[in-house]
Amino acid sequence: MKTLRQTSHISGRLKTTQTGLTLIEILVSMIVLALGVLALLSVQLRAASNVREAEGQTVVSQITQNLIEGMLINPTLEKDKQKEAWTKKHYTAYETTERQVSAACNDTASGSDIKKADLAKAQICDFQKNLRAAMPEADIYFAICKDNKANPPEMKSGRREWNCGASTDTVTVIKVLWTVDMETDADETTKAANSLSTSDNKAVFTYQARVTE
């Protein structure tokens, strides 16, 4: 806003002077303020996204560790052909190709004569139920396989790739992949800021852990 004031000139003419803020100065101030607010919002969105991802990773890691502990007490033993005094452990009873997590599984193991395979099915069922209860809004998938490259699962062209190795002597790995809907423009901003992996407007998160003592 600007105001006009008239003052006397030496020659007797009136001289017009300007005081106060001009409209352009006000607009510039508003733009600077808006940019500051947007920058603050972007920081908050990144922080919220990081918290959500960290929470998911923590929950999945804890549930996966529970399954690993169950697997360690239920291995399949095999005599080592190269070292006669040694016995090898493997977990073929747990190995599975891709599965989508479902809370509807009803595999249980009870009684005094429980087979290894039945116990493995019951533990995997509990694993699924715990994941579903912890992240009810996510689409969750998992695979238990041998892998010697430690490559995490990933989404390629809308398909899940588990990157499992083929060697029989490699370590057993539990791999989990889950997706979360991105329904708002704020989520899109967060995706761009954090370079999130996405597929079909969903954020993609992964976790894997080796079965070792």
N, C-alpha and C. Protein backbone atom coordinates (compact mmCIF):
# COMPACT_ATOMS: atom_id res chain seq x y z
N MET A 1 0.85 -1.18 0.00
CA MET A 1 0.00 0.00 0.00
C MET A 1 0.88 1.23 0.00
N LYS A 2 0.52 2.21 -0.80
CA LYS A 2 1.32 3.43 -0.81
C LYS A 2 0.41 4.64 -0.61
N THR A 3 0.93 5.67 -0.03
CA THR A 3 0.19 6.92 0.21
C THR A 3 0.93 8.06 -0.45
N LEU A 4 0.18 9.06 -0.79
CA LEU A 4 0.75 10.24 -1.46
C LEU A 4 0.73 11.42 -0.50
N ARG A 5 1.77 12.23 -0.57
CA ARG A 5 1.84 13.42 0.27
C ARG A 5 2.40 14.55 -0.57
N GLN A 6 1.75 15.66 -0.49
CA GLN A 6 2.18 16.81 -1.27
C GLN A 6 2.96 17.79 -0.38
N THR A 7 4.09 18.25 -0.88
CA THR A 7 4.91 19.23 -0.14
C THR A 7 5.24 20.39 -1.07
N SER A 8 5.58 21.50 -0.50
CA SER A 8 5.89 22.69 -1.30
C SER A 8 7.26 22.58 -1.92
N HIS A 9 7.38 22.99 -3.16
CA HIS A 9 8.66 23.03 -3.85
C HIS A 9 9.22 24.44 -3.75
N ILE A 10 10.47 24.56 -3.97
CA ILE A 10 11.11 25.88 -3.89
C ILE A 10 10.47 26.86 -4.84
N SER A 11 10.11 26.37 -6.04
CA SER A 11 9.56 27.26 -7.06
C SER A 11 8.09 27.55 -6.82
N GLY A 12 7.53 26.98 -5.77
CA GLY A 12 6.13 27.22 -5.49
C GLY A 12 5.23 26.11 -5.98
N ARG A 13 5.78 25.19 -6.77
CA ARG A 13 4.99 24.06 -7.24
C ARG A 13 4.88 23.00 -6.14
N LEU A 14 3.89 22.15 -6.30
CA LEU A 14 3.71 21.06 -5.35
C LEU A 14 4.53 19.85 -5.77
N LYS A 15 5.18 19.21 -4.83
CA LYS A 15 5.97 18.01 -5.09
C LYS A 15 5.29 16.81 -4.42
N THR A 16 5.10 15.75 -5.18
CA THR A 16 4.45 14.54 -4.66
C THR A 16 5.49 13.53 -4.22
N THR A 17 5.39 13.06 -2.97
CA THR A 17 6.31 12.05 -2.45
C THR A 17 5.52 10.82 -2.04
N GLN A 18 6.18 9.64 -2.01
CA GLN A 18 5.55 8.38 -1.66
C GLN A 18 6.09 7.87 -0.32
N THR A 19 5.18 7.38 0.52
CA THR A 19 5.59 6.79 1.79
C THR A 19 4.86 5.47 1.97
N GLY A 20 5.37 4.59 2.89
CA GLY A 20 4.73 3.31 3.17
C GLY A 20 5.19 2.23 2.20
N LEU A 21 4.58 1.02 2.33
CA LEU A 21 4.93 -0.13 1.50
C LEU A 21 4.18 -0.08 0.18
N THR A 22 4.85 -0.48 -0.86
CA THR A 22 4.19 -0.58 -2.16
C THR A 22 3.51 -1.93 -2.27
N LEU A 23 2.61 -2.06 -3.21
CA LEU A 23 1.89 -3.32 -3.42
C LEU A 23 2.86 -4.43 -3.82
N ILE A 24 3.88 -4.09 -4.60
CA ILE A 24 4.86 -5.10 -5.02
C ILE A 24 5.63 -5.64 -3.83
N GLU A 25 5.99 -4.78 -2.91
CA GLU A 25 6.72 -5.24 -1.72
C GLU A 25 5.86 -6.18 -0.88
N ILE A 26 4.57 -5.89 -0.80
CA ILE A 26 3.67 -6.77 -0.05
C ILE A 26 3.58 -8.13 -0.72
N LEU A 27 3.45 -8.15 -2.05
CA LEU A 27 3.37 -9.41 -2.77
C LEU A 27 4.64 -10.24 -2.60
N VAL A 28 5.79 -9.58 -2.67
CA VAL A 28 7.05 -10.30 -2.49
C VAL A 28 7.12 -10.91 -1.10
N SER A 29 6.69 -10.17 -0.09
CA SER A 29 6.70 -10.69 1.28
C SER A 29 5.80 -11.90 1.41
N MET A 30 4.63 -11.86 0.76
CA MET A 30 3.70 -12.98 0.82
C MET A 30 4.28 -14.22 0.14
N ILE A 31 4.97 -14.01 -0.98
CA ILE A 31 5.58 -15.13 -1.70
C ILE A 31 6.67 -15.77 -0.86
N VAL A 32 7.51 -14.95 -0.24
CA VAL A 32 8.58 -15.47 0.61
C VAL A 32 7.99 -16.26 1.77
N LEU A 33 6.93 -15.74 2.37
CA LEU A 33 6.28 -16.44 3.49
C LEU A 33 5.70 -17.77 3.02
N ALA A 34 5.07 -17.77 1.84
CA ALA A 34 4.48 -19.01 1.32
C ALA A 34 5.55 -20.06 1.05
N LEU A 35 6.68 -19.63 0.49
CA LEU A 35 7.78 -20.57 0.24
C LEU A 35 8.30 -21.16 1.55
N GLY A 36 8.38 -20.34 2.57
CA GLY A 36 8.83 -20.84 3.87
C GLY A 36 7.87 -21.87 4.45
N VAL A 37 6.57 -21.62 4.30
CA VAL A 37 5.57 -22.57 4.79
C VAL A 37 5.65 -23.88 4.02
N LEU A 38 5.82 -23.80 2.69
CA LEU A 38 5.94 -25.01 1.88
C LEU A 38 7.18 -25.82 2.25
N ALA A 39 8.28 -25.12 2.51
CA ALA A 39 9.50 -25.82 2.91
C ALA A 39 9.31 -26.54 4.24
N LEU A 40 8.65 -25.87 5.18
CA LEU A 40 8.38 -26.50 6.48
C LEU A 40 7.46 -27.70 6.32
N LEU A 41 6.44 -27.58 5.46
CA LEU A 41 5.52 -28.69 5.22
C LEU A 41 6.24 -29.87 4.61
N SER A 42 7.16 -29.60 3.68
CA SER A 42 7.92 -30.68 3.06
C SER A 42 8.76 -31.43 4.08
N VAL A 43 9.38 -30.69 5.00
CA VAL A 43 10.18 -31.33 6.05
C VAL A 43 9.30 -32.21 6.93
N GLN A 44 8.12 -31.71 7.28
CA GLN A 44 7.20 -32.48 8.12
C GLN A 44 6.73 -33.74 7.41
N LEU A 45 6.46 -33.64 6.10
CA LEU A 45 6.02 -34.80 5.34
C LEU A 45 7.11 -35.86 5.27
N ARG A 46 8.35 -35.41 5.05
CA ARG A 46 9.46 -36.37 5.03
C ARG A 46 9.61 -37.05 6.38
N ALA A 47 9.47 -36.27 7.44
CA ALA A 47 9.59 -36.85 8.78
C ALA A 47 8.49 -37.87 9.04
N ALA A 48 7.26 -37.54 8.62
CA ALA A 48 6.14 -38.46 8.83
C ALA A 48 6.34 -39.74 8.04
N SER A 49 6.83 -39.61 6.81
CA SER A 49 7.09 -40.79 5.99
C SER A 49 8.18 -41.66 6.59
N ASN A 50 9.24 -41.01 7.08
CA ASN A 50 10.33 -41.77 7.70
C ASN A 50 9.86 -42.51 8.94
N VAL A 51 8.99 -41.87 9.72
CA VAL A 51 8.46 -42.51 10.92
C VAL A 51 7.61 -43.72 10.54
N ARG A 52 6.75 -43.55 9.52
CA ARG A 52 5.90 -44.66 9.09
C ARG A 52 6.74 -45.83 8.59
N GLU A 53 7.76 -45.53 7.80
CA GLU A 53 8.62 -46.60 7.29
C GLU A 53 9.38 -47.27 8.43
N ALA A 54 9.89 -46.47 9.36
CA ALA A 54 10.64 -47.04 10.49
C ALA A 54 9.76 -47.92 11.35
N GLU A 55 8.52 -47.49 11.56
CA GLU A 55 7.59 -48.30 12.36
C GLU A 55 7.32 -49.63 11.67
N GLY A 56 7.10 -49.58 10.35
CA GLY A 56 6.85 -50.82 9.61
C GLY A 56 8.04 -51.75 9.66
N GLN A 57 9.24 -51.20 9.47
CA GLN A 57 10.44 -52.02 9.50
C GLN A 57 10.64 -52.66 10.88
N THR A 58 10.36 -51.88 11.93
CA THR A 58 10.54 -52.41 13.29
C THR A 58 9.57 -53.55 13.57
N VAL A 59 8.31 -53.35 13.20
CA VAL A 59 7.29 -54.39 13.44
C VAL A 59 7.62 -55.66 12.67
N VAL A 60 7.95 -55.50 11.39
CA VAL A 60 8.25 -56.67 10.56
C VAL A 60 9.49 -57.40 11.07
N SER A 61 10.50 -56.64 11.48
CA SER A 61 11.73 -57.29 11.97
C SER A 61 11.47 -58.08 13.25
N GLN A 62 10.65 -57.56 14.13
CA GLN A 62 10.35 -58.27 15.37
C GLN A 62 9.56 -59.55 15.11
N ILE A 63 8.57 -59.47 14.23
CA ILE A 63 7.76 -60.65 13.92
C ILE A 63 8.59 -61.68 13.18
N THR A 64 9.45 -61.22 12.28
CA THR A 64 10.33 -62.14 11.55
C THR A 64 11.31 -62.82 12.50
N GLN A 65 11.84 -62.07 13.45
CA GLN A 65 12.77 -62.66 14.41
C GLN A 65 12.09 -63.73 15.25
N ASN A 66 10.83 -63.53 15.57
CA ASN A 66 10.09 -64.56 16.31
C ASN A 66 10.00 -65.85 15.51
N LEU A 67 9.75 -65.72 14.19
CA LEU A 67 9.69 -66.90 13.35
C LEU A 67 11.06 -67.58 13.27
N ILE A 68 12.11 -66.79 13.15
CA ILE A 68 13.46 -67.36 13.08
C ILE A 68 13.77 -68.16 14.33
N GLU A 69 13.41 -67.64 15.48
CA GLU A 69 13.66 -68.37 16.73
C GLU A 69 12.91 -69.70 16.74
N GLY A 70 11.69 -69.70 16.20
CA GLY A 70 10.95 -70.95 16.10
C GLY A 70 11.59 -71.92 15.13
N MET A 71 12.15 -71.40 14.04
CA MET A 71 12.81 -72.26 13.07
C MET A 71 14.08 -72.89 13.64
N LEU A 72 14.79 -72.13 14.45
CA LEU A 72 16.06 -72.64 15.00
C LEU A 72 15.86 -73.83 15.93
N ILE A 73 14.69 -73.94 16.53
CA ILE A 73 14.46 -75.09 17.41
C ILE A 73 13.79 -76.25 16.67
N ASN A 74 13.56 -76.06 15.37
CA ASN A 74 12.90 -77.12 14.60
C ASN A 74 13.61 -77.36 13.26
N PRO A 75 14.93 -77.53 13.27
CA PRO A 75 15.64 -77.75 12.00
C PRO A 75 15.52 -79.20 11.54
N THR A 76 15.82 -79.40 10.29
CA THR A 76 15.97 -80.75 9.76
C THR A 76 17.46 -81.07 9.75
N LEU A 77 17.83 -82.16 10.38
CA LEU A 77 19.25 -82.52 10.50
C LEU A 77 19.66 -83.46 9.38
N GLU A 78 20.87 -83.23 8.90
CA GLU A 78 21.40 -84.05 7.80
C GLU A 78 22.89 -84.26 8.02
N LYS A 79 23.33 -85.46 7.83
CA LYS A 79 24.75 -85.77 8.00
C LYS A 79 25.56 -85.09 6.91
N ASP A 80 26.62 -84.43 7.34
CA ASP A 80 27.52 -83.76 6.39
C ASP A 80 28.39 -84.81 5.72
N LYS A 81 28.25 -84.95 4.41
CA LYS A 81 29.00 -85.97 3.67
C LYS A 81 30.49 -85.67 3.61
N GLN A 82 30.84 -84.41 3.70
CA GLN A 82 32.25 -84.03 3.62
C GLN A 82 32.92 -84.06 4.99
N LYS A 83 32.15 -83.85 6.04
CA LYS A 83 32.69 -83.88 7.40
C LYS A 83 31.85 -84.86 8.21
N GLU A 84 32.36 -86.06 8.38
CA GLU A 84 31.58 -87.14 8.98
C GLU A 84 31.17 -86.84 10.42
N ALA A 85 31.94 -86.04 11.11
CA ALA A 85 31.62 -85.75 12.51
C ALA A 85 30.63 -84.60 12.65
N TRP A 86 30.23 -84.02 11.53
CA TRP A 86 29.36 -82.85 11.59
C TRP A 86 27.96 -83.19 11.10
N THR A 87 27.00 -82.47 11.62
CA THR A 87 25.61 -82.59 11.17
C THR A 87 25.16 -81.24 10.64
N LYS A 88 24.58 -81.23 9.47
CA LYS A 88 24.12 -79.99 8.86
C LYS A 88 22.66 -79.74 9.23
N LYS A 89 22.32 -78.48 9.36
CA LYS A 89 20.94 -78.09 9.63
C LYS A 89 20.38 -77.37 8.41
N HIS A 90 19.16 -77.70 8.08
CA HIS A 90 18.49 -76.93 7.04
C HIS A 90 17.02 -76.78 7.40
N TYR A 91 16.32 -75.95 6.65
CA TYR A 91 14.96 -75.57 7.02
C TYR A 91 14.01 -75.72 5.83
N THR A 92 14.15 -76.83 5.13
CA THR A 92 13.31 -77.06 3.95
C THR A 92 11.83 -77.15 4.31
N ALA A 93 11.51 -77.52 5.54
CA ALA A 93 10.11 -77.61 5.95
C ALA A 93 9.44 -76.24 5.95
N TYR A 94 10.25 -75.19 6.01
CA TYR A 94 9.71 -73.83 6.05
C TYR A 94 9.74 -73.14 4.69
N GLU A 95 10.55 -73.64 3.80
CA GLU A 95 10.75 -72.94 2.53
C GLU A 95 9.45 -72.89 1.73
N THR A 96 9.21 -71.73 1.16
CA THR A 96 7.99 -71.53 0.40
C THR A 96 8.21 -70.48 -0.67
N THR A 97 7.49 -70.61 -1.75
CA THR A 97 7.49 -69.55 -2.76
C THR A 97 6.60 -68.42 -2.26
N GLU A 98 6.38 -67.45 -3.11
CA GLU A 98 5.61 -66.27 -2.68
C GLU A 98 4.24 -66.65 -2.10
N ARG A 99 3.94 -66.02 -0.99
CA ARG A 99 2.61 -66.13 -0.38
C ARG A 99 2.12 -64.75 0.01
N GLN A 100 0.84 -64.53 -0.15
CA GLN A 100 0.25 -63.31 0.38
C GLN A 100 -0.21 -63.58 1.80
N VAL A 101 0.12 -62.67 2.69
CA VAL A 101 -0.20 -62.86 4.11
C VAL A 101 -1.71 -62.90 4.30
N SER A 102 -2.15 -63.88 5.03
CA SER A 102 -3.57 -64.04 5.32
C SER A 102 -3.75 -64.40 6.79
N ALA A 103 -4.74 -63.77 7.41
CA ALA A 103 -5.04 -64.09 8.81
C ALA A 103 -6.02 -65.25 8.91
N ALA A 104 -6.42 -65.80 7.75
CA ALA A 104 -7.42 -66.86 7.74
C ALA A 104 -6.81 -68.25 7.88
N CYS A 105 -5.49 -68.34 7.94
CA CYS A 105 -4.87 -69.66 8.07
C CYS A 105 -5.23 -70.25 9.43
N ASN A 106 -5.35 -71.55 9.48
CA ASN A 106 -5.74 -72.21 10.74
C ASN A 106 -4.84 -73.39 11.07
N ASP A 107 -3.60 -73.35 10.59
CA ASP A 107 -2.66 -74.43 10.90
C ASP A 107 -2.25 -74.35 12.36
N THR A 108 -2.39 -75.45 13.06
CA THR A 108 -2.01 -75.50 14.47
C THR A 108 -1.18 -76.75 14.73
N ALA A 109 -0.46 -76.73 15.81
CA ALA A 109 0.34 -77.90 16.21
C ALA A 109 0.13 -78.12 17.70
N SER A 110 -0.46 -79.24 18.05
CA SER A 110 -0.71 -79.55 19.45
C SER A 110 -0.60 -81.05 19.67
N GLY A 111 -0.50 -81.44 20.90
CA GLY A 111 -0.36 -82.85 21.21
C GLY A 111 1.07 -83.22 21.53
N SER A 112 1.29 -84.49 21.75
CA SER A 112 2.62 -84.97 22.14
C SER A 112 3.43 -85.49 20.97
N ASP A 113 2.80 -85.72 19.85
CA ASP A 113 3.50 -86.27 18.68
C ASP A 113 3.35 -85.31 17.51
N ILE A 114 4.14 -84.24 17.54
CA ILE A 114 4.05 -83.20 16.51
C ILE A 114 5.16 -83.40 15.49
N LYS A 115 4.79 -83.47 14.23
CA LYS A 115 5.77 -83.63 13.17
C LYS A 115 6.41 -82.28 12.84
N LYS A 116 7.63 -82.35 12.32
CA LYS A 116 8.35 -81.13 11.97
C LYS A 116 7.56 -80.27 10.99
N ALA A 117 6.99 -80.92 9.99
CA ALA A 117 6.26 -80.18 8.96
C ALA A 117 5.03 -79.49 9.56
N ASP A 118 4.34 -80.16 10.48
CA ASP A 118 3.16 -79.56 11.10
C ASP A 118 3.53 -78.37 11.97
N LEU A 119 4.64 -78.50 12.71
CA LEU A 119 5.10 -77.39 13.53
C LEU A 119 5.50 -76.21 12.66
N ALA A 120 6.16 -76.49 11.55
CA ALA A 120 6.56 -75.42 10.62
C ALA A 120 5.34 -74.69 10.07
N LYS A 121 4.31 -75.44 9.68
CA LYS A 121 3.09 -74.82 9.16
C LYS A 121 2.43 -73.94 10.21
N ALA A 122 2.40 -74.43 11.44
CA ALA A 122 1.78 -73.65 12.52
C ALA A 122 2.55 -72.37 12.79
N GLN A 123 3.87 -72.44 12.76
CA GLN A 123 4.68 -71.25 13.01
C GLN A 123 4.53 -70.23 11.88
N ILE A 124 4.47 -70.71 10.66
CA ILE A 124 4.28 -69.80 9.53
C ILE A 124 2.89 -69.17 9.59
N CYS A 125 1.91 -69.92 10.04
CA CYS A 125 0.56 -69.38 10.20
C CYS A 125 0.55 -68.26 11.24
N ASP A 126 1.21 -68.48 12.37
CA ASP A 126 1.32 -67.44 13.39
C ASP A 126 2.04 -66.21 12.85
N PHE A 127 3.06 -66.44 12.05
CA PHE A 127 3.81 -65.36 11.41
C PHE A 127 2.88 -64.49 10.56
N GLN A 128 2.03 -65.13 9.78
CA GLN A 128 1.10 -64.39 8.94
C GLN A 128 0.08 -63.61 9.77
N LYS A 129 -0.46 -64.26 10.78
CA LYS A 129 -1.46 -63.60 11.61
C LYS A 129 -0.88 -62.38 12.32
N ASN A 130 0.35 -62.50 12.78
CA ASN A 130 0.99 -61.37 13.47
C ASN A 130 1.25 -60.21 12.52
N LEU A 131 1.68 -60.52 11.30
CA LEU A 131 1.90 -59.47 10.31
C LEU A 131 0.59 -58.78 9.96
N ARG A 132 -0.45 -59.56 9.74
CA ARG A 132 -1.74 -58.99 9.38
C ARG A 132 -2.30 -58.12 10.50
N ALA A 133 -2.14 -58.56 11.75
CA ALA A 133 -2.64 -57.77 12.88
C ALA A 133 -1.85 -56.48 13.05
N ALA A 134 -0.55 -56.52 12.75
CA ALA A 134 0.30 -55.35 12.93
C ALA A 134 0.10 -54.32 11.83
N MET A 135 -0.19 -54.76 10.61
CA MET A 135 -0.36 -53.84 9.48
C MET A 135 -1.62 -54.21 8.70
N PRO A 136 -2.79 -53.93 9.27
CA PRO A 136 -4.05 -54.35 8.64
C PRO A 136 -4.35 -53.68 7.31
N GLU A 137 -3.77 -52.50 7.06
CA GLU A 137 -4.09 -51.77 5.84
C GLU A 137 -3.10 -52.05 4.71
N ALA A 138 -2.07 -52.81 4.97
CA ALA A 138 -1.04 -53.08 3.96
C ALA A 138 -1.31 -54.40 3.24
N ASP A 139 -0.83 -54.48 2.01
CA ASP A 139 -0.81 -55.75 1.28
C ASP A 139 0.57 -56.36 1.51
N ILE A 140 0.60 -57.52 2.14
CA ILE A 140 1.87 -58.09 2.60
C ILE A 140 2.12 -59.43 1.91
N TYR A 141 3.35 -59.61 1.46
CA TYR A 141 3.75 -60.86 0.81
C TYR A 141 5.07 -61.32 1.44
N PHE A 142 5.33 -62.61 1.36
CA PHE A 142 6.60 -63.10 1.89
C PHE A 142 7.03 -64.36 1.15
N ALA A 143 8.30 -64.66 1.28
CA ALA A 143 8.87 -65.90 0.74
C ALA A 143 9.99 -66.33 1.68
N ILE A 144 10.14 -67.64 1.82
CA ILE A 144 11.24 -68.20 2.62
C ILE A 144 12.05 -69.08 1.68
N CYS A 145 13.28 -68.69 1.43
CA CYS A 145 14.05 -69.37 0.40
C CYS A 145 15.54 -69.31 0.73
N LYS A 146 16.32 -70.04 -0.04
CA LYS A 146 17.78 -69.98 0.08
C LYS A 146 18.30 -68.85 -0.81
N ASP A 147 19.27 -68.14 -0.29
CA ASP A 147 19.80 -67.00 -1.03
C ASP A 147 21.25 -66.77 -0.63
N ASN A 148 22.12 -66.68 -1.60
CA ASN A 148 23.54 -66.46 -1.31
C ASN A 148 24.02 -65.08 -1.75
N LYS A 149 23.11 -64.22 -2.20
CA LYS A 149 23.51 -62.91 -2.69
C LYS A 149 23.00 -61.77 -1.81
N ALA A 150 22.09 -62.08 -0.91
CA ALA A 150 21.54 -61.08 0.02
C ALA A 150 20.86 -59.92 -0.70
N ASN A 151 20.31 -60.18 -1.88
CA ASN A 151 19.57 -59.15 -2.59
C ASN A 151 18.14 -59.08 -2.05
N PRO A 152 17.67 -57.90 -1.67
CA PRO A 152 16.32 -57.79 -1.12
C PRO A 152 15.26 -58.00 -2.19
N PRO A 153 14.05 -58.31 -1.80
CA PRO A 153 12.97 -58.40 -2.78
C PRO A 153 12.68 -57.03 -3.36
N GLU A 154 12.06 -56.99 -4.52
CA GLU A 154 11.75 -55.73 -5.16
C GLU A 154 10.55 -55.88 -6.07
N MET A 155 10.00 -54.73 -6.45
CA MET A 155 8.87 -54.71 -7.36
C MET A 155 9.36 -54.23 -8.71
N LYS A 156 9.13 -55.04 -9.75
CA LYS A 156 9.53 -54.69 -11.11
C LYS A 156 8.33 -54.80 -12.04
N SER A 157 7.97 -53.67 -12.63
CA SER A 157 6.85 -53.64 -13.58
C SER A 157 5.60 -54.28 -13.00
N GLY A 158 5.34 -53.98 -11.74
CA GLY A 158 4.15 -54.50 -11.09
C GLY A 158 4.25 -55.92 -10.60
N ARG A 159 5.40 -56.54 -10.77
CA ARG A 159 5.59 -57.92 -10.32
C ARG A 159 6.63 -57.97 -9.21
N ARG A 160 6.41 -58.87 -8.27
CA ARG A 160 7.33 -59.02 -7.14
C ARG A 160 8.46 -59.98 -7.50
N GLU A 161 9.68 -59.53 -7.32
CA GLU A 161 10.86 -60.35 -7.57
C GLU A 161 11.53 -60.62 -6.22
N TRP A 162 11.72 -61.92 -5.91
CA TRP A 162 12.24 -62.28 -4.59
C TRP A 162 13.75 -62.47 -4.57
N ASN A 163 14.36 -62.58 -5.72
CA ASN A 163 15.83 -62.64 -5.81
C ASN A 163 16.43 -63.72 -4.91
N CYS A 164 15.89 -64.91 -5.00
CA CYS A 164 16.42 -66.03 -4.23
C CYS A 164 17.51 -66.74 -5.01
N GLY A 165 18.53 -67.24 -4.30
CA GLY A 165 19.58 -68.00 -4.93
C GLY A 165 19.17 -69.44 -5.13
N ALA A 166 19.92 -70.17 -5.96
CA ALA A 166 19.55 -71.55 -6.29
C ALA A 166 20.41 -72.58 -5.58
N SER A 167 21.49 -72.17 -4.95
CA SER A 167 22.39 -73.12 -4.32
C SER A 167 21.75 -73.77 -3.10
N THR A 168 21.99 -75.06 -2.92
CA THR A 168 21.41 -75.78 -1.79
C THR A 168 22.19 -75.56 -0.50
N ASP A 169 23.39 -75.02 -0.60
CA ASP A 169 24.23 -74.84 0.58
C ASP A 169 24.20 -73.41 1.13
N THR A 170 23.35 -72.59 0.56
CA THR A 170 23.30 -71.20 1.02
C THR A 170 22.35 -71.06 2.21
N VAL A 171 22.38 -69.88 2.79
CA VAL A 171 21.59 -69.61 3.99
C VAL A 171 20.12 -69.41 3.64
N THR A 172 19.26 -69.86 4.54
CA THR A 172 17.82 -69.63 4.37
C THR A 172 17.50 -68.20 4.77
N VAL A 173 16.68 -67.54 3.97
CA VAL A 173 16.36 -66.13 4.19
C VAL A 173 14.84 -65.96 4.18
N ILE A 174 14.35 -65.16 5.11
CA ILE A 174 12.93 -64.77 5.12
C ILE A 174 12.83 -63.39 4.50
N LYS A 175 12.02 -63.27 3.46
CA LYS A 175 11.89 -62.00 2.75
C LYS A 175 10.43 -61.55 2.81
N VAL A 176 10.25 -60.28 3.15
CA VAL A 176 8.90 -59.72 3.27
C VAL A 176 8.82 -58.46 2.41
N LEU A 177 7.71 -58.32 1.70
CA LEU A 177 7.45 -57.12 0.89
C LEU A 177 6.03 -56.68 1.18
N TRP A 178 5.85 -55.39 1.45
CA TRP A 178 4.50 -54.89 1.68
C TRP A 178 4.30 -53.55 1.00
N THR A 179 3.07 -53.29 0.62
CA THR A 179 2.73 -52.06 -0.08
C THR A 179 1.64 -51.32 0.70
N VAL A 180 1.72 -49.98 0.63
CA VAL A 180 0.77 -49.12 1.34
C VAL A 180 0.22 -48.11 0.35
N ASP A 181 -1.08 -47.88 0.37
CA ASP A 181 -1.72 -46.94 -0.55
C ASP A 181 -1.16 -45.54 -0.36
N MET A 182 -1.00 -44.84 -1.51
CA MET A 182 -0.63 -43.42 -1.50
C MET A 182 -1.79 -42.68 -2.14
N GLU A 183 -2.68 -42.14 -1.31
CA GLU A 183 -3.94 -41.62 -1.81
C GLU A 183 -3.96 -40.10 -1.95
N THR A 184 -2.97 -39.40 -1.44
CA THR A 184 -3.01 -37.95 -1.42
C THR A 184 -1.83 -37.35 -2.16
N ASP A 185 -1.97 -36.07 -2.51
CA ASP A 185 -0.87 -35.34 -3.13
C ASP A 185 0.31 -35.23 -2.18
N ALA A 186 0.00 -35.18 -0.88
CA ALA A 186 1.08 -35.10 0.12
C ALA A 186 1.94 -36.34 0.05
N ASP A 187 1.30 -37.50 -0.16
CA ASP A 187 2.07 -38.73 -0.29
C ASP A 187 2.95 -38.69 -1.52
N GLU A 188 2.44 -38.10 -2.61
CA GLU A 188 3.24 -37.99 -3.82
C GLU A 188 4.44 -37.08 -3.59
N THR A 189 4.22 -36.00 -2.83
CA THR A 189 5.34 -35.11 -2.50
C THR A 189 6.38 -35.83 -1.67
N THR A 190 5.91 -36.64 -0.73
CA THR A 190 6.83 -37.41 0.11
C THR A 190 7.59 -38.41 -0.72
N LYS A 191 6.92 -39.03 -1.68
CA LYS A 191 7.58 -40.00 -2.55
C LYS A 191 8.72 -39.35 -3.30
N ALA A 192 8.47 -38.18 -3.86
CA ALA A 192 9.51 -37.50 -4.61
C ALA A 192 10.66 -37.07 -3.72
N ALA A 193 10.33 -36.64 -2.50
CA ALA A 193 11.37 -36.17 -1.59
C ALA A 193 12.24 -37.30 -1.08
N ASN A 194 11.65 -38.46 -0.86
CA ASN A 194 12.39 -39.56 -0.25
C ASN A 194 12.80 -40.64 -1.23
N SER A 195 12.45 -40.47 -2.51
CA SER A 195 12.77 -41.47 -3.53
C SER A 195 12.23 -42.85 -3.14
N LEU A 196 10.98 -42.88 -2.71
CA LEU A 196 10.36 -44.14 -2.33
C LEU A 196 10.14 -45.00 -3.56
N SER A 197 10.25 -46.30 -3.35
CA SER A 197 9.89 -47.23 -4.41
C SER A 197 8.38 -47.33 -4.45
N THR A 198 7.79 -47.20 -5.63
CA THR A 198 6.34 -47.22 -5.74
C THR A 198 5.90 -48.14 -6.87
N SER A 199 4.63 -48.56 -6.78
CA SER A 199 4.03 -49.37 -7.83
C SER A 199 2.53 -49.19 -7.76
N ASP A 200 1.92 -48.77 -8.88
CA ASP A 200 0.47 -48.57 -8.94
C ASP A 200 -0.03 -47.68 -7.81
N ASN A 201 0.63 -46.55 -7.63
CA ASN A 201 0.26 -45.58 -6.60
C ASN A 201 0.33 -46.16 -5.19
N LYS A 202 1.24 -47.10 -4.99
CA LYS A 202 1.47 -47.66 -3.67
C LYS A 202 2.95 -47.58 -3.33
N ALA A 203 3.24 -47.24 -2.09
CA ALA A 203 4.63 -47.25 -1.62
C ALA A 203 5.04 -48.68 -1.33
N VAL A 204 6.25 -49.04 -1.74
CA VAL A 204 6.73 -50.42 -1.59
C VAL A 204 7.84 -50.45 -0.54
N PHE A 205 7.71 -51.33 0.44
CA PHE A 205 8.71 -51.50 1.49
C PHE A 205 9.13 -52.96 1.55
N THR A 206 10.37 -53.20 1.92
CA THR A 206 10.88 -54.58 1.98
C THR A 206 11.71 -54.79 3.23
N TYR A 207 11.82 -56.07 3.59
CA TYR A 207 12.66 -56.46 4.72
C TYR A 207 13.09 -57.90 4.50
N GLN A 208 14.30 -58.23 4.91
CA GLN A 208 14.75 -59.61 4.84
C GLN A 208 15.69 -59.91 6.00
N ALA A 209 15.71 -61.18 6.42
CA ALA A 209 16.57 -61.60 7.53
C ALA A 209 17.04 -63.01 7.28
N ARG A 210 18.29 -63.27 7.61
CA ARG A 210 18.87 -64.60 7.45
C ARG A 210 18.59 -65.45 8.68
N VAL A 211 18.36 -66.73 8.44
CA VAL A 211 18.12 -67.66 9.54
C VAL A 211 19.46 -68.20 10.01
N THR A 212 20.00 -67.60 11.03
CA THR A 212 21.30 -68.01 11.58
C THR A 212 21.21 -68.04 13.10
N GLU A 213 22.04 -68.87 13.69
CA GLU A 213 22.05 -68.99 15.15
C GLU A 213 22.86 -67.85 15.77
